[in-house]
């Protein structure tokens, strides 16, 4: 992942990042990323991220035919007899 170093960051901005990071239980780096995302208009809220993730997972779901599955009781019995 790329990184960035900011030189001569105004004290006021640094302090505001520190305050917000502490309030939101984030590191200073995490808070800077969140703030940059919001400022650049690429902020997606957590509900939207979860919705996208669930959609991705469901799209990759493997379809299978239940009729071809082995009876679990047979598997349990076989395991107990070992």
C-alpha atoms as a PDB file:
ATOM      1  CA  UNK A   1       0.000   0.000   0.000  1.00  0.00           C
ATOM      2  CA  UNK A   2       1.401   3.419  -0.867  1.00  0.00           C
ATOM      3  CA  UNK A   3       2.337   5.815   1.890  1.00  0.00           C
ATOM      4  CA  UNK A   4       2.599   9.577   2.142  1.00  0.00           C
ATOM      5  CA  UNK A   5       4.639  11.892   4.326  1.00  0.00           C
ATOM      6  CA  UNK A   6       3.394  15.399   5.009  1.00  0.00           C
ATOM      7  CA  UNK A   7       5.972  18.018   5.928  1.00  0.00           C
ATOM      8  CA  UNK A   8       5.269  21.273   7.701  1.00  0.00           C
ATOM      9  CA  UNK A   9       1.794  20.205   8.775  1.00  0.00           C
ATOM     10  CA  UNK A  10       0.185  23.111  10.595  1.00  0.00           C
ATOM     11  CA  UNK A  11      -0.060  22.508  14.346  1.00  0.00           C
ATOM     12  CA  UNK A  12      -3.798  23.250  14.310  1.00  0.00           C
ATOM     13  CA  UNK A  13      -4.463  20.456  11.790  1.00  0.00           C
ATOM     14  CA  UNK A  14      -2.260  17.998  13.694  1.00  0.00           C
ATOM     15  CA  UNK A  15      -4.030  18.720  16.987  1.00  0.00           C
ATOM     16  CA  UNK A  16      -7.476  18.398  15.381  1.00  0.00           C
ATOM     17  CA  UNK A  17      -6.470  15.019  13.895  1.00  0.00           C
ATOM     18  CA  UNK A  18      -5.212  13.900  17.307  1.00  0.00           C
ATOM     19  CA  UNK A  19      -8.444  14.942  19.037  1.00  0.00           C
ATOM     20  CA  UNK A  20     -10.646  13.241  16.442  1.00  0.00           C
ATOM     21  CA  UNK A  21      -8.496  10.091  16.460  1.00  0.00           C
ATOM     22  CA  UNK A  22      -8.748   9.781  20.227  1.00  0.00           C
ATOM     23  CA  UNK A  23     -12.506  10.436  20.162  1.00  0.00           C
ATOM     24  CA  UNK A  24     -13.061   7.772  17.454  1.00  0.00           C
ATOM     25  CA  UNK A  25     -10.574   5.265  18.974  1.00  0.00           C
ATOM     26  CA  UNK A  26      -8.285   5.344  15.924  1.00  0.00           C
ATOM     27  CA  UNK A  27      -4.592   5.808  15.383  1.00  0.00           C
ATOM     28  CA  UNK A  28      -3.418   9.112  13.952  1.00  0.00           C
ATOM     29  CA  UNK A  29      -2.732   7.410  10.615  1.00  0.00           C
ATOM     30  CA  UNK A  30      -6.184   5.848  10.478  1.00  0.00           C
ATOM     31  CA  UNK A  31      -7.789   9.182  11.308  1.00  0.00           C
ATOM     32  CA  UNK A  32      -5.789  10.946   8.598  1.00  0.00           C
ATOM     33  CA  UNK A  33      -6.998   8.385   6.039  1.00  0.00           C
ATOM     34  CA  UNK A  34     -10.632   8.746   7.133  1.00  0.00           C
ATOM     35  CA  UNK A  35     -10.367  12.539   6.992  1.00  0.00           C
ATOM     36  CA  UNK A  36      -8.762  12.469   3.544  1.00  0.00           C
ATOM     37  CA  UNK A  37     -11.463  10.116   2.247  1.00  0.00           C
ATOM     38  CA  UNK A  38     -14.197  12.420   3.499  1.00  0.00           C
ATOM     39  CA  UNK A  39     -12.463  15.459   2.048  1.00  0.00           C
ATOM     40  CA  UNK A  40     -12.064  13.775  -1.330  1.00  0.00           C
ATOM     41  CA  UNK A  41     -15.666  12.609  -1.369  1.00  0.00           C
ATOM     42  CA  UNK A  42     -14.868   8.900  -1.392  1.00  0.00           C
ATOM     43  CA  UNK A  43     -16.347   8.169   2.001  1.00  0.00           C
ATOM     44  CA  UNK A  44     -18.631   5.169   2.181  1.00  0.00           C
ATOM     45  CA  UNK A  45     -20.395   4.497   5.435  1.00  0.00           C
ATOM     46  CA  UNK A  46     -20.096   1.176   7.235  1.00  0.00           C
ATOM     47  CA  UNK A  47     -23.605   0.032   6.267  1.00  0.00           C
ATOM     48  CA  UNK A  48     -22.830   0.568   2.593  1.00  0.00           C
ATOM     49  CA  UNK A  49     -19.489  -1.273   2.916  1.00  0.00           C
ATOM     50  CA  UNK A  50     -21.231  -4.215   4.594  1.00  0.00           C
ATOM     51  CA  UNK A  51     -23.924  -4.252   1.906  1.00  0.00           C
ATOM     52  CA  UNK A  52     -21.225  -4.339  -0.809  1.00  0.00           C
ATOM     53  CA  UNK A  53     -19.350  -7.116   0.998  1.00  0.00           C
ATOM     54  CA  UNK A  54     -22.456  -9.262   1.438  1.00  0.00           C
ATOM     55  CA  UNK A  55     -23.324  -8.731  -2.227  1.00  0.00           C
ATOM     56  CA  UNK A  56     -19.826  -9.835  -3.202  1.00  0.00           C
ATOM     57  CA  UNK A  57     -20.018 -12.931  -1.000  1.00  0.00           C
ATOM     58  CA  UNK A  58     -23.444 -13.891  -2.335  1.00  0.00           C
ATOM     59  CA  UNK A  59     -22.276 -13.447  -5.923  1.00  0.00           C
ATOM     60  CA  UNK A  60     -19.483 -15.990  -5.315  1.00  0.00           C
ATOM     61  CA  UNK A  61     -21.737 -18.537  -3.661  1.00  0.00           C
ATOM     62  CA  UNK A  62     -21.284 -22.079  -4.875  1.00  0.00           C
ATOM     63  CA  UNK A  63     -24.484 -23.784  -5.909  1.00  0.00           C
ATOM     64  CA  UNK A  64     -24.851 -27.454  -5.045  1.00  0.00           C
ATOM     65  CA  UNK A  65     -27.562 -30.048  -5.206  1.00  0.00           C
ATOM     66  CA  UNK A  66     -28.716 -31.162  -1.757  1.00  0.00           C
ATOM     67  CA  UNK A  67     -29.868 -34.494  -3.159  1.00  0.00           C
ATOM     68  CA  UNK A  68     -26.237 -35.470  -3.777  1.00  0.00           C
ATOM     69  CA  UNK A  69     -25.074 -34.771  -0.228  1.00  0.00           C
ATOM     70  CA  UNK A  70     -24.312 -37.682   2.043  1.00  0.00           C
ATOM     71  CA  UNK A  71     -26.540 -38.245   5.076  1.00  0.00           C
ATOM     72  CA  UNK A  72     -24.735 -36.682   8.085  1.00  0.00           C
ATOM     73  CA  UNK A  73     -25.873 -39.471  10.413  1.00  0.00           C
ATOM     74  CA  UNK A  74     -23.825 -41.937   8.339  1.00  0.00           C
ATOM     75  CA  UNK A  75     -20.763 -39.731   8.688  1.00  0.00           C
ATOM     76  CA  UNK A  76     -21.252 -39.421  12.450  1.00  0.00           C
ATOM     77  CA  UNK A  77     -21.727 -43.170  12.852  1.00  0.00           C
ATOM     78  CA  UNK A  78     -18.595 -43.846  10.799  1.00  0.00           C
ATOM     79  CA  UNK A  79     -16.598 -41.410  12.928  1.00  0.00           C
ATOM     80  CA  UNK A  80     -17.790 -42.972  16.193  1.00  0.00           C
ATOM     81  CA  UNK A  81     -16.817 -46.454  15.035  1.00  0.00           C
ATOM     82  CA  UNK A  82     -13.200 -45.453  14.563  1.00  0.00           C
END
